Amino acid sequence: MLDYEIASVGSKKLRREAVSSEVVTAALHTYGRLQIERHAVDAQSVASIAERHGLTAYDAAYLSVAEQLEAPLATLDEQLGNAARTHLAPS
């Protein structure tokens, strides 16, 4: 998911003409060389979480990763925060 976030920022910068395509290409190349641990999400799990909590699949994917990692989810989004408190609450 982080890969999509980074690509999205690059795309937005290009659309706003805030940076050149060369700058975005260089930044994405540098990002691609970082040693980042990535976590896959199961589409069925994401869809289920999204339906259960009224979230977008995008937000549900963040919640799914937090669940996998048994980690808290930091967000300023009220709906996602409420879903996290409910979904990640200890049983």
N, C-alpha and C. Protein backbone atom coordinates (compact mmCIF):
# COMPACT_ATOMS: atom_id res chain seq x y z
N MET A 1 0.81 -1.18 0.00
CA MET A 1 0.00 0.00 0.00
C MET A 1 0.86 1.25 0.00
N LEU A 2 1.97 1.18 0.70
CA LEU A 2 2.84 2.34 0.71
C LEU A 2 3.31 2.67 -0.70
N ASP A 3 3.53 1.64 -1.51
CA ASP A 3 3.96 1.87 -2.90
C ASP A 3 2.93 2.74 -3.63
N TYR A 4 1.64 2.46 -3.41
CA TYR A 4 0.59 3.23 -4.07
C TYR A 4 0.53 4.65 -3.54
N GLU A 5 0.77 4.80 -2.25
CA GLU A 5 0.79 6.15 -1.66
C GLU A 5 1.91 6.99 -2.29
N ILE A 6 3.07 6.39 -2.41
CA ILE A 6 4.22 7.11 -2.98
C ILE A 6 3.95 7.46 -4.44
N ALA A 7 3.42 6.50 -5.19
CA ALA A 7 3.09 6.76 -6.60
C ALA A 7 2.03 7.85 -6.71
N SER A 8 1.07 7.84 -5.81
CA SER A 8 0.00 8.84 -5.82
C SER A 8 0.57 10.24 -5.59
N VAL A 9 1.48 10.36 -4.65
CA VAL A 9 2.10 11.67 -4.38
C VAL A 9 2.83 12.16 -5.62
N GLY A 10 3.60 11.26 -6.26
CA GLY A 10 4.32 11.63 -7.47
C GLY A 10 3.37 12.09 -8.57
N SER A 11 2.28 11.35 -8.74
CA SER A 11 1.28 11.71 -9.76
C SER A 11 0.65 13.06 -9.49
N LYS A 12 0.31 13.31 -8.23
CA LYS A 12 -0.29 14.59 -7.87
C LYS A 12 0.67 15.75 -8.12
N LYS A 13 1.93 15.53 -7.77
CA LYS A 13 2.94 16.59 -8.00
C LYS A 13 3.07 16.88 -9.49
N LEU A 14 3.03 15.83 -10.30
CA LEU A 14 3.13 16.03 -11.75
C LEU A 14 1.91 16.77 -12.29
N ARG A 15 0.71 16.39 -11.85
CA ARG A 15 -0.51 17.05 -12.31
C ARG A 15 -0.52 18.53 -11.95
N ARG A 16 0.01 18.84 -10.79
CA ARG A 16 0.05 20.24 -10.34
C ARG A 16 1.25 20.99 -10.90
N GLU A 17 2.06 20.26 -11.66
CA GLU A 17 3.28 20.81 -12.24
C GLU A 17 4.21 21.37 -11.17
N ALA A 18 4.19 20.72 -10.00
CA ALA A 18 5.05 21.15 -8.90
C ALA A 18 6.48 20.63 -9.08
N VAL A 19 6.61 19.53 -9.82
CA VAL A 19 7.93 18.95 -10.10
C VAL A 19 7.91 18.38 -11.51
N SER A 20 9.10 18.11 -12.03
CA SER A 20 9.21 17.53 -13.37
C SER A 20 9.10 16.01 -13.30
N SER A 21 8.84 15.41 -14.44
CA SER A 21 8.77 13.95 -14.48
C SER A 21 10.12 13.32 -14.14
N GLU A 22 11.21 14.03 -14.43
CA GLU A 22 12.53 13.52 -14.10
C GLU A 22 12.72 13.43 -12.57
N VAL A 23 12.21 14.43 -11.87
CA VAL A 23 12.30 14.44 -10.40
C VAL A 23 11.48 13.29 -9.83
N VAL A 24 10.27 13.09 -10.34
CA VAL A 24 9.42 12.00 -9.86
C VAL A 24 10.08 10.65 -10.16
N THR A 25 10.60 10.50 -11.36
CA THR A 25 11.26 9.25 -11.74
C THR A 25 12.44 8.97 -10.83
N ALA A 26 13.25 9.97 -10.54
CA ALA A 26 14.41 9.79 -9.65
C ALA A 26 13.96 9.44 -8.24
N ALA A 27 12.92 10.11 -7.76
CA ALA A 27 12.43 9.84 -6.41
C ALA A 27 11.87 8.42 -6.32
N LEU A 28 11.12 7.99 -7.33
CA LEU A 28 10.57 6.63 -7.31
C LEU A 28 11.68 5.58 -7.42
N HIS A 29 12.70 5.90 -8.17
CA HIS A 29 13.85 4.98 -8.26
C HIS A 29 14.53 4.85 -6.89
N THR A 30 14.75 5.97 -6.23
CA THR A 30 15.36 5.95 -4.90
C THR A 30 14.47 5.19 -3.92
N TYR A 31 13.18 5.48 -3.95
CA TYR A 31 12.24 4.78 -3.08
C TYR A 31 12.29 3.27 -3.33
N GLY A 32 12.36 2.87 -4.59
CA GLY A 32 12.39 1.45 -4.96
C GLY A 32 13.59 0.70 -4.41
N ARG A 33 14.64 1.42 -4.09
CA ARG A 33 15.85 0.78 -3.54
C ARG A 33 15.82 0.66 -2.03
N LEU A 34 14.85 1.28 -1.37
CA LEU A 34 14.76 1.19 0.08
C LEU A 34 14.39 -0.22 0.53
N GLN A 35 14.95 -0.64 1.63
CA GLN A 35 14.65 -1.95 2.19
C GLN A 35 13.43 -1.82 3.11
N ILE A 36 12.25 -1.98 2.52
CA ILE A 36 11.00 -1.81 3.26
C ILE A 36 10.28 -3.15 3.29
N GLU A 37 9.84 -3.55 4.46
CA GLU A 37 9.07 -4.78 4.58
C GLU A 37 7.63 -4.49 4.16
N ARG A 38 7.16 -5.24 3.20
CA ARG A 38 5.80 -5.05 2.70
C ARG A 38 4.91 -6.19 3.17
N HIS A 39 3.63 -5.90 3.35
CA HIS A 39 2.67 -6.89 3.81
C HIS A 39 1.50 -6.94 2.84
N ALA A 40 1.26 -8.12 2.31
CA ALA A 40 0.15 -8.31 1.38
C ALA A 40 -1.15 -8.40 2.16
N VAL A 41 -2.23 -8.04 1.51
CA VAL A 41 -3.55 -8.17 2.13
C VAL A 41 -4.39 -9.10 1.27
N ASP A 42 -5.29 -9.81 1.91
CA ASP A 42 -6.21 -10.71 1.24
C ASP A 42 -7.43 -9.91 0.81
N ALA A 43 -7.76 -9.96 -0.48
CA ALA A 43 -8.86 -9.15 -1.00
C ALA A 43 -10.19 -9.49 -0.34
N GLN A 44 -10.43 -10.75 -0.05
CA GLN A 44 -11.68 -11.14 0.59
C GLN A 44 -11.77 -10.56 2.00
N SER A 45 -10.66 -10.60 2.72
CA SER A 45 -10.62 -10.03 4.07
C SER A 45 -10.86 -8.52 4.02
N VAL A 46 -10.23 -7.87 3.07
CA VAL A 46 -10.40 -6.42 2.92
C VAL A 46 -11.85 -6.09 2.61
N ALA A 47 -12.45 -6.83 1.68
CA ALA A 47 -13.85 -6.59 1.33
C ALA A 47 -14.76 -6.80 2.53
N SER A 48 -14.48 -7.83 3.31
CA SER A 48 -15.29 -8.12 4.49
C SER A 48 -15.18 -7.01 5.53
N ILE A 49 -13.95 -6.55 5.78
CA ILE A 49 -13.73 -5.46 6.74
C ILE A 49 -14.42 -4.19 6.25
N ALA A 50 -14.30 -3.91 4.95
CA ALA A 50 -14.93 -2.71 4.38
C ALA A 50 -16.44 -2.75 4.56
N GLU A 51 -17.03 -3.89 4.29
CA GLU A 51 -18.49 -4.02 4.43
C GLU A 51 -18.91 -3.90 5.89
N ARG A 52 -18.19 -4.59 6.76
CA ARG A 52 -18.54 -4.61 8.19
C ARG A 52 -18.49 -3.22 8.81
N HIS A 53 -17.53 -2.41 8.38
CA HIS A 53 -17.31 -1.11 9.04
C HIS A 53 -17.67 0.09 8.16
N GLY A 54 -18.22 -0.16 6.98
CA GLY A 54 -18.61 0.94 6.09
C GLY A 54 -17.43 1.74 5.58
N LEU A 55 -16.31 1.05 5.31
CA LEU A 55 -15.09 1.72 4.86
C LEU A 55 -14.87 1.51 3.37
N THR A 56 -14.02 2.32 2.79
CA THR A 56 -13.55 2.04 1.44
C THR A 56 -12.60 0.85 1.53
N ALA A 57 -12.41 0.17 0.43
CA ALA A 57 -11.47 -0.95 0.41
C ALA A 57 -10.06 -0.45 0.75
N TYR A 58 -9.76 0.75 0.32
CA TYR A 58 -8.46 1.36 0.59
C TYR A 58 -8.23 1.48 2.10
N ASP A 59 -9.20 2.03 2.83
CA ASP A 59 -9.07 2.17 4.28
C ASP A 59 -9.10 0.80 4.97
N ALA A 60 -9.94 -0.09 4.46
CA ALA A 60 -10.02 -1.43 5.05
C ALA A 60 -8.70 -2.18 4.90
N ALA A 61 -7.96 -1.91 3.84
CA ALA A 61 -6.65 -2.55 3.65
C ALA A 61 -5.68 -2.12 4.75
N TYR A 62 -5.72 -0.84 5.13
CA TYR A 62 -4.88 -0.39 6.24
C TYR A 62 -5.26 -1.11 7.53
N LEU A 63 -6.54 -1.26 7.75
CA LEU A 63 -7.01 -1.95 8.95
C LEU A 63 -6.61 -3.42 8.92
N SER A 64 -6.65 -4.03 7.76
CA SER A 64 -6.24 -5.42 7.61
C SER A 64 -4.76 -5.61 7.95
N VAL A 65 -3.93 -4.70 7.48
CA VAL A 65 -2.49 -4.78 7.79
C VAL A 65 -2.25 -4.59 9.28
N ALA A 66 -2.93 -3.65 9.90
CA ALA A 66 -2.79 -3.46 11.35
C ALA A 66 -3.19 -4.73 12.08
N GLU A 67 -4.24 -5.37 11.62
CA GLU A 67 -4.68 -6.62 12.24
C GLU A 67 -3.61 -7.71 12.08
N GLN A 68 -3.07 -7.84 10.89
CA GLN A 68 -2.01 -8.83 10.63
C GLN A 68 -0.82 -8.63 11.55
N LEU A 69 -0.44 -7.38 11.72
CA LEU A 69 0.75 -7.05 12.51
C LEU A 69 0.46 -6.96 14.00
N GLU A 70 -0.84 -7.09 14.36
CA GLU A 70 -1.25 -6.92 15.75
C GLU A 70 -0.73 -5.60 16.29
N ALA A 71 -0.95 -4.56 15.47
CA ALA A 71 -0.43 -3.23 15.77
C ALA A 71 -1.58 -2.22 15.79
N PRO A 72 -1.41 -1.14 16.52
CA PRO A 72 -2.43 -0.09 16.48
C PRO A 72 -2.40 0.60 15.12
N LEU A 73 -3.49 1.24 14.78
CA LEU A 73 -3.59 1.97 13.53
C LEU A 73 -3.66 3.46 13.84
N ALA A 74 -2.71 4.22 13.32
CA ALA A 74 -2.71 5.67 13.52
C ALA A 74 -3.42 6.31 12.34
N THR A 75 -4.43 7.12 12.63
CA THR A 75 -5.16 7.81 11.57
C THR A 75 -5.83 9.05 12.14
N LEU A 76 -6.03 10.02 11.29
CA LEU A 76 -6.80 11.20 11.65
C LEU A 76 -8.22 11.10 11.12
N ASP A 77 -8.50 10.02 10.38
CA ASP A 77 -9.83 9.80 9.81
C ASP A 77 -10.74 9.23 10.89
N GLU A 78 -11.81 9.96 11.22
CA GLU A 78 -12.68 9.56 12.33
C GLU A 78 -13.33 8.20 12.09
N GLN A 79 -13.86 7.98 10.89
CA GLN A 79 -14.54 6.71 10.60
C GLN A 79 -13.57 5.54 10.67
N LEU A 80 -12.38 5.70 10.11
CA LEU A 80 -11.38 4.64 10.16
C LEU A 80 -10.91 4.42 11.59
N GLY A 81 -10.74 5.47 12.36
CA GLY A 81 -10.35 5.34 13.76
C GLY A 81 -11.38 4.59 14.57
N ASN A 82 -12.66 4.91 14.35
CA ASN A 82 -13.73 4.18 15.05
C ASN A 82 -13.73 2.71 14.67
N ALA A 83 -13.55 2.44 13.38
CA ALA A 83 -13.52 1.05 12.92
C ALA A 83 -12.34 0.31 13.53
N ALA A 84 -11.20 0.98 13.62
CA ALA A 84 -10.01 0.35 14.20
C ALA A 84 -10.23 0.01 15.66
N ARG A 85 -10.82 0.95 16.40
CA ARG A 85 -11.07 0.67 17.82
C ARG A 85 -11.99 -0.54 17.99
N THR A 86 -12.98 -0.65 17.13
CA THR A 86 -13.91 -1.79 17.21
C THR A 86 -13.24 -3.06 16.71
N HIS A 87 -12.64 -3.00 15.54
CA HIS A 87 -12.10 -4.18 14.88
C HIS A 87 -10.87 -4.74 15.59
N LEU A 88 -10.03 -3.87 16.09
CA LEU A 88 -8.76 -4.30 16.71
C LEU A 88 -8.86 -4.46 18.21
N ALA A 89 -10.05 -4.27 18.78
CA ALA A 89 -10.22 -4.40 20.22
C ALA A 89 -9.90 -5.83 20.66
N PRO A 90 -9.19 -5.97 21.78
CA PRO A 90 -8.89 -7.33 22.27
C PRO A 90 -10.18 -8.09 22.54
N SER A 91 -10.13 -9.36 22.21
CA SER A 91 -11.33 -10.21 22.43
C SER A 91 -11.48 -10.64 23.85
